[in-house]
Protein backbone atom coordinates (compact mmCIF):
# COMPACT_ATOMS: atom_id res chain seq x y z
CA UNK A 1 56.26 43.64 98.25
CA UNK A 2 54.45 46.74 99.42
CA UNK A 3 54.65 50.49 99.07
CA UNK A 4 53.93 53.23 101.59
CA UNK A 5 52.26 56.48 100.58
CA UNK A 6 50.75 59.57 102.16
CA UNK A 7 46.98 59.99 102.15
CA UNK A 8 46.25 63.72 102.12
CA UNK A 9 42.46 63.61 102.16
CA UNK A 10 39.42 61.74 100.93
CA UNK A 11 39.22 62.73 97.27
CA UNK A 12 37.60 60.40 94.76
CA UNK A 13 36.70 56.73 94.80
CA UNK A 14 40.25 55.45 95.36
CA UNK A 15 40.71 57.45 98.57
CA UNK A 16 37.26 56.49 99.82
CA UNK A 17 37.99 52.81 99.28
CA UNK A 18 41.39 52.99 100.97
CA UNK A 19 40.10 54.87 104.01
CA UNK A 20 37.19 52.43 104.33
CA UNK A 21 39.64 49.50 104.31
CA UNK A 22 41.73 51.22 107.00
CA UNK A 23 38.65 51.89 109.11
CA UNK A 24 37.65 48.20 108.93
CA UNK A 25 41.18 47.17 109.87
CA UNK A 26 41.15 49.61 112.80
CA UNK A 27 37.80 48.32 114.06
CA UNK A 28 39.06 44.72 113.92
CA UNK A 29 42.22 45.55 115.87
CA UNK A 30 40.58 47.94 118.35
CA UNK A 31 36.90 47.00 118.80
CA UNK A 32 36.25 50.09 120.87
CA UNK A 33 36.84 52.23 117.79
CA UNK A 34 34.22 50.30 115.80
CA UNK A 35 31.50 52.55 117.21
CA UNK A 36 33.10 55.51 115.44
CA UNK A 37 32.87 54.42 111.81
CA UNK A 38 34.27 57.70 110.44
CA UNK A 39 37.17 58.11 112.85
CA UNK A 40 39.93 58.19 110.21
CA UNK A 41 38.06 60.22 107.59
CA UNK A 42 36.94 62.78 110.14
CA UNK A 43 40.48 63.29 111.47
CA UNK A 44 41.92 63.47 107.97
CA UNK A 45 39.46 66.03 106.67
CA UNK A 46 39.47 68.47 109.60
CA UNK A 47 43.01 69.85 110.03
CA UNK A 48 41.67 73.43 110.00
CA UNK A 49 39.23 72.85 112.86
CA UNK A 50 41.77 70.88 114.86
CA UNK A 51 44.54 73.40 114.31
CA UNK A 52 47.21 70.83 113.46
CA UNK A 53 47.87 68.40 110.59
CA UNK A 54 47.11 64.70 110.69
CA UNK A 55 49.61 62.30 109.12
CA UNK A 56 48.15 59.19 107.48
CA UNK A 57 50.52 56.71 105.86
CA UNK A 58 49.05 53.77 103.96
CA UNK A 59 50.80 50.51 103.13
CA UNK A 60 49.58 49.09 99.83
CA UNK A 61 49.97 45.42 98.94
CA UNK A 62 49.16 43.58 95.74
CA UNK A 63 46.27 45.01 93.71
CA UNK A 64 46.64 48.23 95.72
CA UNK A 65 44.91 46.63 98.72
CA UNK A 66 45.52 48.30 102.08
CA UNK A 67 47.59 46.02 104.32
CA UNK A 68 48.47 48.49 107.07
CA UNK A 69 48.58 52.14 108.06
CA UNK A 70 49.97 54.63 110.54
CA UNK A 71 47.93 57.55 111.88
CA UNK A 72 49.52 60.39 113.86
CA UNK A 73 48.79 63.93 115.03
CA UNK A 74 51.50 66.53 114.50
CA UNK A 75 51.22 69.32 117.06
CA UNK A 76 52.92 71.79 114.78
CA UNK A 77 52.84 74.71 117.21
CA UNK A 78 55.18 72.89 119.60
CA UNK A 79 56.96 70.62 117.11
CA UNK A 80 56.00 67.25 118.60
CA UNK A 81 53.86 64.40 117.29
CA UNK A 82 51.61 61.77 118.83
CA UNK A 83 51.27 58.36 117.19
CA UNK A 84 47.62 57.36 117.38
CA UNK A 85 47.73 53.95 115.72
CA UNK A 86 49.90 51.61 113.71
CA UNK A 87 47.72 48.80 112.39
CA UNK A 88 48.61 45.91 110.08
CA UNK A 89 46.76 42.89 108.80
CA UNK A 90 46.79 40.13 111.40
CA UNK A 91 48.65 37.72 109.10
CA UNK A 92 51.42 40.27 108.54
CA UNK A 93 52.23 40.97 112.16
CA UNK A 94 55.82 40.21 113.02
CA UNK A 95 56.89 40.32 109.36
CA UNK A 96 58.33 43.84 109.29
CA UNK A 97 55.38 45.85 108.00
CA UNK A 98 54.74 47.61 111.31
CA UNK A 99 58.43 48.48 111.54
CA UNK A 100 58.39 49.87 108.00
CA UNK A 101 55.40 52.07 108.82
CA UNK A 102 57.11 53.32 111.98
CA UNK A 103 60.27 54.10 110.03
CA UNK A 104 58.23 55.93 107.40
CA UNK A 105 56.53 58.01 110.09
CA UNK A 106 59.89 58.92 111.64
CA UNK A 107 61.18 59.87 108.21
CA UNK A 108 58.18 62.13 107.64
CA UNK A 109 58.54 63.81 111.02
CA UNK A 110 62.26 64.43 110.58
CA UNK A 111 61.49 66.09 107.24
CA UNK A 112 58.97 68.34 108.99
CA UNK A 113 61.58 69.41 111.53
CA UNK A 114 59.76 67.65 114.42
CA UNK A 115 61.55 67.47 117.75
CA UNK A 116 60.10 64.18 118.93
CA UNK A 117 57.35 61.58 118.81
CA UNK A 118 55.16 60.35 121.67
CA UNK A 119 53.03 57.22 121.79
CA UNK A 120 51.62 54.68 124.22
CA UNK A 121 52.63 51.06 124.84
CA UNK A 122 51.20 48.62 127.44
CA UNK A 123 53.32 48.31 130.56
CA UNK A 124 56.03 45.70 131.04
CA UNK A 125 55.77 45.81 134.84
CA UNK A 126 55.22 42.21 136.09
CA UNK A 127 53.41 43.57 139.13
CA UNK A 128 50.73 45.04 136.88
CA UNK A 129 50.46 42.32 134.21
CA UNK A 130 49.46 38.91 135.54
CA UNK A 131 49.09 37.21 132.15
CA UNK A 132 52.53 35.88 131.16
CA UNK A 133 51.75 35.91 127.40
CA UNK A 134 50.65 39.53 127.58
CA UNK A 135 53.75 40.44 129.57
CA UNK A 136 56.00 38.76 127.02
CA UNK A 137 54.26 40.60 124.16
CA UNK A 138 54.57 43.93 125.98
CA UNK A 139 58.29 43.41 126.53
CA UNK A 140 58.78 42.51 122.87
CA UNK A 141 56.98 45.68 121.82
CA UNK A 142 59.15 47.84 124.09
CA UNK A 143 62.27 46.09 122.78
CA UNK A 144 61.23 46.91 119.22
CA UNK A 145 60.89 50.62 119.99
CA UNK A 146 64.10 50.71 122.01
CA UNK A 147 66.00 50.00 118.77
CA UNK A 148 64.94 53.45 117.57
CA UNK A 149 65.78 55.21 120.82
CA UNK A 150 62.16 55.37 122.01
CA UNK A 151 61.93 54.83 125.78
CA UNK A 152 59.28 55.15 128.53
CA UNK A 153 58.90 58.39 130.45
CA UNK A 154 59.10 57.80 134.22
CA UNK A 155 58.29 59.84 137.31
CA UNK A 156 54.75 60.92 136.30
CA UNK A 157 51.21 59.67 136.93
CA UNK A 158 50.46 59.25 133.22
CA UNK A 159 50.37 55.43 133.46
CA UNK A 160 48.44 55.28 136.74
CA UNK A 161 44.81 54.05 136.71
CA UNK A 162 42.27 56.79 136.14
CA UNK A 163 40.17 55.41 139.00
CA UNK A 164 41.17 53.11 141.87
CA UNK A 165 40.76 49.48 140.89
CA UNK A 166 41.02 50.16 137.15
CA UNK A 167 43.82 48.53 135.11
CA UNK A 168 46.94 50.64 134.62
CA UNK A 169 47.07 53.05 131.72
CA UNK A 170 49.71 52.50 128.99
CA UNK A 171 53.21 53.84 129.35
CA UNK A 172 54.01 57.03 127.46
CA UNK A 173 57.09 56.58 125.27
CA UNK A 174 59.25 59.30 123.81
CA UNK A 175 61.24 58.98 120.58
CA UNK A 176 63.63 61.97 120.23
CA UNK A 177 64.02 61.28 116.48
CA UNK A 178 67.80 61.15 116.85
CA UNK A 179 67.96 64.53 118.59
CA UNK A 180 70.27 64.82 121.59
CA UNK A 181 68.30 67.58 123.35
CA UNK A 182 66.66 66.90 126.70
CA UNK A 183 62.89 66.91 127.11
CA UNK A 184 61.79 69.73 129.42
CA UNK A 185 58.89 69.50 131.86
CA UNK A 186 56.96 72.42 130.32
CA UNK A 187 57.10 70.74 126.93
CA UNK A 188 55.90 67.41 128.29
CA UNK A 189 52.98 69.10 130.09
CA UNK A 190 51.85 70.74 126.84
CA UNK A 191 52.10 67.44 124.97
CA UNK A 192 50.21 65.49 127.64
CA UNK A 193 47.49 68.14 127.79
CA UNK A 194 47.02 67.93 124.01
CA UNK A 195 46.93 64.11 124.10
CA UNK A 196 44.37 63.98 126.90
CA UNK A 197 42.13 66.71 125.50
CA UNK A 198 42.46 66.02 121.76
CA UNK A 199 42.81 62.22 121.66
CA UNK A 200 40.82 61.23 124.76
CA UNK A 201 38.39 64.18 124.86
CA UNK A 202 39.01 65.14 128.48
CA UNK A 203 37.94 68.66 129.34
CA UNK A 204 40.96 70.91 130.05
CA UNK A 205 39.69 71.50 133.61
CA UNK A 206 39.08 67.81 134.33
CA UNK A 207 40.64 66.87 137.71
CA UNK A 208 42.40 63.89 136.11
CA UNK A 209 44.13 66.19 133.60
CA UNK A 210 45.27 68.46 136.42
CA UNK A 211 46.49 65.47 138.42
CA UNK A 212 48.63 64.10 135.57
CA UNK A 213 50.01 67.52 134.58
CA UNK A 214 50.82 68.28 138.21
CA UNK A 215 52.86 65.09 138.45
CA UNK A 216 55.33 66.29 135.79
CA UNK A 217 57.94 67.87 138.04
CA UNK A 218 61.34 66.66 136.82
CA UNK A 219 63.07 68.89 134.31
CA UNK A 220 64.71 67.55 132.26
CA UNK A 221 62.11 64.79 132.21
CA UNK A 222 63.37 61.40 133.38
CA UNK A 223 63.58 58.76 130.65
CA UNK A 224 64.00 55.10 131.55
CA UNK A 225 67.31 53.57 130.57
CA UNK A 226 67.28 50.84 127.89
CA UNK A 227 66.47 47.37 129.19
CA UNK A 228 66.22 45.18 126.14
CA UNK A 229 68.58 46.50 123.45
CA UNK A 230 72.34 46.94 123.49
CA UNK A 231 73.94 49.96 121.76
CA UNK A 232 75.02 47.75 118.85
CA UNK A 233 71.39 46.75 118.19
CA UNK A 234 70.13 50.32 117.73
CA UNK A 235 68.72 51.24 114.31
CA UNK A 236 70.92 54.19 113.38
CA UNK A 237 70.76 53.78 109.60
CA UNK A 238 67.18 53.52 108.40
CA UNK A 239 66.28 53.11 104.71
CA UNK A 240 64.07 55.69 103.04
CA UNK A 241 60.49 54.54 102.98
CA UNK A 242 58.74 57.57 101.49
CA UNK A 243 58.94 59.03 98.01
CA UNK A 244 55.97 61.39 97.97
CA UNK A 245 56.67 62.85 94.52
CA UNK A 246 56.20 60.44 91.61
CA UNK A 247 57.87 61.52 88.36
CA UNK A 248 57.17 60.45 84.79
CA UNK A 249 59.34 61.20 81.76
CA UNK A 250 59.82 59.63 78.34
CA UNK A 251 63.07 59.38 76.40
CA UNK A 252 61.05 59.84 73.21
CA UNK A 253 61.03 63.59 73.87
CA UNK A 254 64.50 63.78 72.28
CA UNK A 255 63.08 62.69 68.91
CA UNK A 256 61.84 66.25 68.46
CA UNK A 257 64.97 68.35 68.19
CA UNK A 258 64.95 71.63 66.27
CA UNK A 259 68.64 72.37 65.82
CA UNK A 260 68.26 75.90 64.49
CA UNK A 261 70.09 78.60 66.38
CA UNK A 262 67.93 80.44 68.90
CA UNK A 263 65.27 77.72 69.19
CA UNK A 264 64.94 77.49 72.97
CA UNK A 265 62.62 74.47 73.26
CA UNK A 266 65.30 71.79 73.16
CA UNK A 267 65.99 68.36 74.71
CA UNK A 268 68.54 69.72 77.19
CA UNK A 269 65.64 71.17 79.18
CA UNK A 270 64.54 67.70 80.25
CA UNK A 271 68.10 66.57 80.94
CA UNK A 272 68.88 69.37 83.39
CA UNK A 273 65.58 68.93 85.23
CA UNK A 274 66.09 65.18 85.61
CA UNK A 275 69.62 65.75 86.87
CA UNK A 276 68.37 68.15 89.54
CA UNK A 277 65.51 65.87 90.58
CA UNK A 278 67.91 62.95 91.00
CA UNK A 279 69.30 64.75 94.06
CA UNK A 280 65.91 65.05 95.78
CA UNK A 281 65.06 62.30 98.29
CA UNK A 282 61.34 62.89 97.72
CA UNK A 283 61.42 61.70 94.11
CA UNK A 284 60.65 58.29 92.63
CA UNK A 285 60.60 57.94 88.84
CA UNK A 286 58.05 55.52 87.42
CA UNK A 287 57.64 54.01 83.94
CA UNK A 288 55.41 55.59 81.30
CA UNK A 289 52.75 53.54 79.54
CA UNK A 290 51.01 54.02 76.20
CA UNK A 291 47.38 55.21 76.20
CA UNK A 292 46.72 55.37 72.44
CA UNK A 293 44.99 58.20 70.59
CA UNK A 294 41.56 57.93 72.23
CA UNK A 295 42.31 60.35 75.12
CA UNK A 296 43.78 62.84 72.62
CA UNK A 297 40.65 62.72 70.46
CA UNK A 298 38.54 63.27 73.58
CA UNK A 299 39.71 66.91 73.61
CA UNK A 300 41.19 67.60 70.15
CA UNK A 301 39.42 67.84 66.79
CA UNK A 302 39.60 64.64 64.73
CA UNK A 303 40.70 66.38 61.50
CA UNK A 304 43.43 68.21 63.41
CA UNK A 305 44.78 65.00 64.99
CA UNK A 306 44.67 63.20 61.63
CA UNK A 307 46.51 66.03 59.93
CA UNK A 308 49.35 66.09 62.44
CA UNK A 309 49.77 62.31 62.34
CA UNK A 310 49.56 61.88 58.57
CA UNK A 311 51.63 64.90 57.55
CA UNK A 312 54.42 64.18 60.03
CA UNK A 313 54.63 60.59 58.80
CA UNK A 314 55.04 61.81 55.20
CA UNK A 315 57.91 64.20 55.92
CA UNK A 316 61.47 63.13 55.09
CA UNK A 317 63.82 62.65 58.05
CA UNK A 318 65.36 65.97 59.08
CA UNK A 319 62.94 68.24 57.20
CA UNK A 320 61.16 71.00 59.11
CA UNK A 321 57.99 72.64 57.84
CA UNK A 322 57.02 76.04 59.21
CA UNK A 323 53.53 77.46 58.62
CA UNK A 324 53.50 80.49 56.34
CA UNK A 325 49.93 80.70 54.99
CA UNK A 326 47.17 81.52 57.47
CA UNK A 327 43.72 81.61 55.81
CA UNK A 328 41.08 83.90 57.23
CA UNK A 329 38.46 82.75 54.71
CA UNK A 330 37.54 79.73 52.59
CA UNK A 331 38.63 77.26 55.23
CA UNK A 332 36.36 74.81 53.43
CA UNK A 333 38.85 74.66 50.53
CA UNK A 334 42.30 74.05 52.05
CA UNK A 335 45.36 73.68 49.78
CA UNK A 336 45.97 70.18 48.48
CA UNK A 337 49.65 70.46 49.46
CA UNK A 338 49.83 69.46 53.14
CA UNK A 339 52.77 71.79 53.81
CA UNK A 340 50.68 74.78 52.75
CA UNK A 341 47.86 73.54 54.94
CA UNK A 342 49.89 73.83 58.19
CA UNK A 343 48.62 77.36 58.72
CA UNK A 344 45.06 76.05 58.88
CA UNK A 345 46.00 74.43 62.20
CA UNK A 346 48.81 76.62 63.58
CA UNK A 347 48.69 79.93 65.45
CA UNK A 348 52.27 81.14 64.78
CA UNK A 349 55.25 80.88 62.43
CA UNK A 350 57.82 79.33 64.79
CA UNK A 351 56.37 75.93 65.71
CA UNK A 352 57.58 73.51 63.02
CA UNK A 353 56.36 70.10 62.00
CA UNK A 354 58.82 67.28 61.42
CA UNK A 355 58.76 63.55 60.92
CA UNK A 356 59.17 63.04 64.68
CA UNK A 357 57.04 65.91 66.01
CA UNK A 358 53.89 63.79 66.20
CA UNK A 359 55.74 60.88 67.87
CA UNK A 360 57.24 63.18 70.49
CA UNK A 361 53.91 64.89 71.09
CA UNK A 362 52.19 61.53 71.53
CA UNK A 363 54.91 60.51 74.00
CA UNK A 364 54.35 63.73 75.97
CA UNK A 365 50.64 62.91 76.18
CA UNK A 366 51.51 59.45 77.51
CA UNK A 367 53.70 61.08 80.17
CA UNK A 368 50.80 63.31 81.26
CA UNK A 369 48.29 60.46 81.25
CA UNK A 370 50.64 58.16 83.19
CA UNK A 371 50.76 60.91 85.79
CA UNK A 372 46.98 61.20 85.83
CA UNK A 373 46.64 57.44 86.27
CA UNK A 374 49.12 57.58 89.16
CA UNK A 375 46.98 60.24 90.85
CA UNK A 376 43.95 58.01 90.47
CA UNK A 377 45.73 55.09 92.11
CA UNK A 378 46.61 56.87 95.33
CA UNK A 379 49.68 58.98 94.55
CA UNK A 380 48.66 62.49 95.60
CA UNK A 381 51.72 64.28 94.16
CA UNK A 382 52.82 63.57 90.60
CA UNK A 383 55.08 65.47 88.21
CA UNK A 384 54.87 64.71 84.49
CA UNK A 385 57.98 66.05 82.78
CA UNK A 386 56.43 66.58 79.35
CA UNK A 387 58.27 67.65 76.24
CA UNK A 388 57.17 69.08 73.90
CA UNK A 389 54.98 71.27 76.11
CA UNK A 390 51.26 71.54 75.44
CA UNK A 391 49.32 74.39 77.02
CA UNK A 392 49.11 76.53 73.85
CA UNK A 393 47.52 73.73 71.78
CA UNK A 394 43.80 74.40 71.43
CA UNK A 395 41.09 72.03 70.31
CA UNK A 396 42.05 72.29 66.65
CA UNK A 397 45.32 74.27 66.58
CA UNK A 398 48.94 73.93 67.62
CA UNK A 399 51.59 76.58 68.32
CA UNK A 400 53.90 78.03 70.94
CA UNK A 401 56.10 74.90 70.73
CA UNK A 402 52.93 72.89 71.62
CA UNK A 403 51.16 70.20 69.58
CA UNK A 404 48.70 68.50 71.96
CA UNK A 405 47.39 70.05 75.17
CA UNK A 406 48.95 67.59 77.64
CA UNK A 407 47.41 69.14 80.74
CA UNK A 408 43.91 69.35 79.26
CA UNK A 409 44.07 65.74 78.06
CA UNK A 410 45.09 64.66 81.56
CA UNK A 411 42.34 66.80 83.10
CA UNK A 412 39.71 65.21 80.85
CA UNK A 413 40.99 61.76 81.81
CA UNK A 414 40.64 62.68 85.49
CA UNK A 415 37.18 64.21 85.02
CA UNK A 416 35.91 60.96 83.57
CA UNK A 417 37.05 59.13 86.71
CA UNK A 418 36.54 61.51 89.65
CA UNK A 419 34.34 64.41 88.56
CA UNK A 420 35.32 68.04 89.06
CA UNK A 421 38.90 69.03 88.20
CA UNK A 422 40.68 72.38 88.44
CA UNK A 423 43.50 73.51 86.14
CA UNK A 424 45.83 76.14 87.60
CA UNK A 425 48.27 77.31 84.91
CA UNK A 426 51.33 79.05 86.38
CA UNK A 427 53.28 79.53 83.13
CA UNK A 428 54.39 83.04 82.14
CA UNK A 429 52.25 82.73 79.00
CA UNK A 430 48.48 82.35 78.96
CA UNK A 431 47.11 78.80 79.01
CA UNK A 432 44.96 79.36 75.95
CA UNK A 433 44.75 75.64 75.17
CA UNK A 434 42.80 74.57 78.25
CA UNK A 435 40.72 77.75 78.08
CA UNK A 436 39.62 76.96 74.53
CA UNK A 437 38.95 73.28 75.25
CA UNK A 438 36.90 73.79 78.44
CA UNK A 439 35.43 77.27 77.77
CA UNK A 440 31.84 75.97 77.71
CA UNK A 441 32.10 73.53 80.60
CA UNK A 442 31.48 73.77 84.34
CA UNK A 443 33.11 70.50 85.42
CA UNK A 444 36.61 71.84 84.74
CA UNK A 445 37.72 75.13 86.29
CA UNK A 446 40.52 76.83 84.33
CA UNK A 447 42.61 79.49 86.07
CA UNK A 448 45.67 81.09 84.46
CA UNK A 449 48.22 83.52 85.94
CA UNK A 450 50.24 85.04 83.10
CA UNK A 451 51.72 88.09 81.45
CA UNK A 452 49.12 90.42 80.00
CA UNK A 453 48.40 89.65 76.32
CA UNK A 454 49.26 93.25 75.44
CA UNK A 455 52.92 92.16 75.59
CA UNK A 456 52.98 88.38 76.14
CA UNK A 457 52.35 85.46 73.80
CA UNK A 458 49.88 84.42 72.44
CA UNK A 459 48.66 88.06 72.42
CA UNK A 460 45.08 87.20 71.39
CA UNK A 461 43.85 85.50 74.59
CA UNK A 462 44.26 85.73 78.34
CA UNK A 463 42.22 88.87 78.99
CA UNK A 464 40.39 89.16 82.30
CA UNK A 465 36.97 89.39 80.66
CA UNK A 466 37.25 85.91 79.14
CA UNK A 467 35.13 84.12 81.74
CA UNK A 468 33.63 81.19 79.84
CA UNK A 469 30.43 80.81 77.88
CA UNK A 470 27.14 79.01 78.35
CA UNK A 471 27.43 76.35 81.03
CA UNK A 472 31.07 77.33 81.48
CA UNK A 473 30.41 80.98 82.31
CA UNK A 474 32.32 81.85 85.46
CA UNK A 475 34.53 78.77 85.25
CA UNK A 476 37.37 80.36 83.31
CA UNK A 477 39.48 82.87 85.21
CA UNK A 478 42.40 84.87 83.80
CA UNK A 479 44.72 86.82 86.07
CA UNK A 480 46.95 88.84 83.70
CA UNK A 481 49.88 90.59 85.37
CA UNK A 482 52.10 93.50 84.29
CA UNK A 483 55.47 93.25 82.61
CA UNK A 484 57.50 93.59 85.80
CA UNK A 485 56.60 91.12 88.56
CA UNK A 486 58.53 90.16 91.70
CA UNK A 487 57.78 87.44 94.25
CA UNK A 488 55.30 89.47 96.29
CA UNK A 489 53.08 90.47 93.37
CA UNK A 490 53.04 86.95 91.98
CA UNK A 491 52.11 85.45 95.35
CA UNK A 492 49.23 87.93 95.66
CA UNK A 493 47.83 86.67 92.37
CA UNK A 494 48.47 83.08 93.38
CA UNK A 495 46.55 83.51 96.63
CA UNK A 496 43.62 84.88 94.63
CA UNK A 497 43.80 81.89 92.28
CA UNK A 498 44.01 79.40 95.15
CA UNK A 499 40.94 80.92 96.81
CA UNK A 500 39.03 80.40 93.55
CA UNK A 501 40.18 76.79 93.37
CA UNK A 502 39.12 76.16 96.97
CA UNK A 503 35.63 77.53 96.31
CA UNK A 504 35.30 75.20 93.30
CA UNK A 505 36.05 72.17 95.54
CA UNK A 506 37.67 69.96 92.90
CA UNK A 507 38.51 66.29 93.37
CA UNK A 508 41.89 66.79 91.65
CA UNK A 509 44.20 69.59 90.51
CA UNK A 510 46.24 69.85 87.31
CA UNK A 511 49.05 72.44 87.34
CA UNK A 512 50.70 73.35 84.03
CA UNK A 513 54.13 74.42 85.34
CA UNK A 514 55.96 77.22 83.60
CA UNK A 515 59.40 77.97 84.98
CA UNK A 516 59.59 80.87 82.54
CA UNK A 517 58.18 83.00 85.37
CA UNK A 518 61.64 82.88 86.94
CA UNK A 519 64.27 85.56 86.75
CA UNK A 520 66.33 85.68 83.51
CA UNK A 521 64.16 83.38 81.44
CA UNK A 522 64.68 84.27 77.75
CA UNK A 523 60.93 84.17 76.99
CA UNK A 524 59.67 86.08 80.04
CA UNK A 525 60.02 89.45 81.75
CA UNK A 526 59.38 88.56 85.40
CA UNK A 527 61.89 88.13 88.22
CA UNK A 528 60.47 85.44 90.48
CA UNK A 529 63.33 84.14 92.65
CA UNK A 530 64.14 80.57 93.61
CA UNK A 531 62.71 81.16 97.09
CA UNK A 532 59.63 82.60 95.40
CA UNK A 533 59.29 79.37 93.43
CA UNK A 534 59.51 77.37 96.66
CA UNK A 535 56.74 79.48 98.20
CA UNK A 536 54.58 79.11 95.08
CA UNK A 537 54.97 75.35 95.31
CA UNK A 538 54.31 75.33 99.04
CA UNK A 539 51.06 77.27 98.69
CA UNK A 540 49.83 75.05 95.86
CA UNK A 541 50.72 71.97 97.89
CA UNK A 542 48.87 73.49 100.83
CA UNK A 543 45.60 72.83 99.00
CA UNK A 544 46.21 69.17 99.92
CA UNK A 545 44.53 68.02 96.72
CA UNK A 546 45.61 65.11 94.52
CA UNK A 547 47.87 67.12 92.22
CA UNK A 548 49.34 66.49 88.79
CA UNK A 549 52.05 68.94 87.77
CA UNK A 550 52.65 69.04 84.00
CA UNK A 551 55.81 70.66 82.69
CA UNK A 552 55.30 73.51 80.22
CA UNK A 553 57.72 76.44 79.73
CA UNK A 554 61.07 77.40 81.21
CA UNK A 555 64.07 77.87 78.93
CA UNK A 556 67.07 79.16 80.88
CA UNK A 557 69.16 75.99 80.85
CA UNK A 558 71.58 77.28 83.50
CA UNK A 559 68.90 77.75 86.16
CA UNK A 560 66.10 75.48 84.97
CA UNK A 561 67.04 72.37 86.95
CA UNK A 562 67.46 74.19 90.25
CA UNK A 563 64.25 76.14 89.70
CA UNK A 564 62.28 72.95 89.04
CA UNK A 565 63.72 71.25 92.11
CA UNK A 566 62.90 74.22 94.33
CA UNK A 567 59.31 74.50 93.12
CA UNK A 568 58.67 70.78 93.49
CA UNK A 569 60.29 70.67 96.93
CA UNK A 570 57.90 73.42 97.92
CA UNK A 571 54.90 71.47 96.62
CA UNK A 572 55.95 68.45 98.69
CA UNK A 573 56.51 70.55 101.78
CA UNK A 574 53.19 72.36 101.46
CA UNK A 575 51.11 69.27 100.85
CA UNK A 576 52.66 67.38 103.75
CA UNK A 577 52.58 70.30 106.16
CA UNK A 578 56.33 70.66 106.37
CA UNK A 579 58.05 73.91 107.17
CA UNK A 580 60.49 75.58 104.79
CA UNK A 581 64.13 74.63 104.85
CA UNK A 582 66.13 77.22 102.96
CA UNK A 583 68.55 75.99 100.37
CA UNK A 584 70.59 77.71 97.69
């Protein structure tokens, strides 16, 4: 068994190991590349200088070992791609892995709206190949690609020797990706020019480039008819190979159910989101594992954690305890009655404790940490559907429906493995939890876009002048916005936040997701549309960082599922360089 995933960049030890394994595999298969030991990493990390995205798909075998990969350039400006390499382990050749990688690449390109794929294959002309074994292998390779509709381009000098006496150059194949449109000469000239100058480093004014471009005269371009595959052998139905968004969710969330009228943080929130995500081809749900209390205690006060655990265990089934005493002095002498002590740890009067609140909160932490672990093991896009939410829980307090700060716990877990981490909180309400936990630290950047505390919960934090203290000064950024916000204003703030994240250069990104920024949410005042949510996701994904999205707010059950799906579709599109496809 194997899995295929996108590699968006070289971030952290896992990516470095995987890219190094691919580079070794490439050098073994193509010795000429061995001289360029950073070929893959350099291509992957320079899309801005090249002006087009690079697509790198990795096939992972047992123990996450790289067993193959596909590397392609996507010339986005013209909508065509060039397959640079498909490489598999020698012992796996002929066992379907190369075909799976090719299918995954086609799937990716179709999702981007690409018009076609070009690549090179050695010629099957007997007059040019004297070695019978080589000729047989070349024919088999062309037969394989014919099953997908990829055929050689004829009538040009592309496959002619560069100099007299040299061996012939490979044939240029064209895969229309199931499109029926003809390939025009002008398009082919632009593609060939980009291949020769970008892949082979010819100067644009090189005589050989002019010679090949001048030979493209037929329009539509002539494509060789199939030789090896009958119509019945064509691969029309291809299984999905890519699920770029990994999702984690725990059924234990439903343990915590406050049935009082008007309480908006309820289990149905998770149900409607899961239902909407089930319709997205990008999604693959993975199992949650238990991480214990140690990661929680890494960010939360020990007495606070002990209180929540012990008091919740003592409560009778069905009883809810709301804080009602909030001491401002003599915190050294708390009430003996645990129920009266709730206010020592809570910041509001509407976040109750129950027998199952601690269990559900622990489960939500496990969901977030499972997502963080997935990021560390080569899954660059992960969504942890946490409930109860967490971003209002500070180091030693709970509130705002939150008990443990799921996103901060996940960020700390990532910091311990990869180094610098950024938290970008896009909930309508200020992310006071992460701010409090990391306020004195410089290895975690905390950025929050939220309603101004003059009118938005939690009212006491989220001001622009809260910038961190000590070592953390300058590493906490609040971007409070006014009461009325539409798409344009929000995106302006988001662009400012993203520029701050880029300057920080984190190895990973944690995004507490609040869908309460959307129009008609009962806890918010903004009117961000569904298309606005897509664009928010797309711009966050455009950072091309390993990203963990952690669910926080969002309480309009009628629109919540569609809003979540639209935001997450945008994240996928942005991270993979795909253009927007409008959808209701």
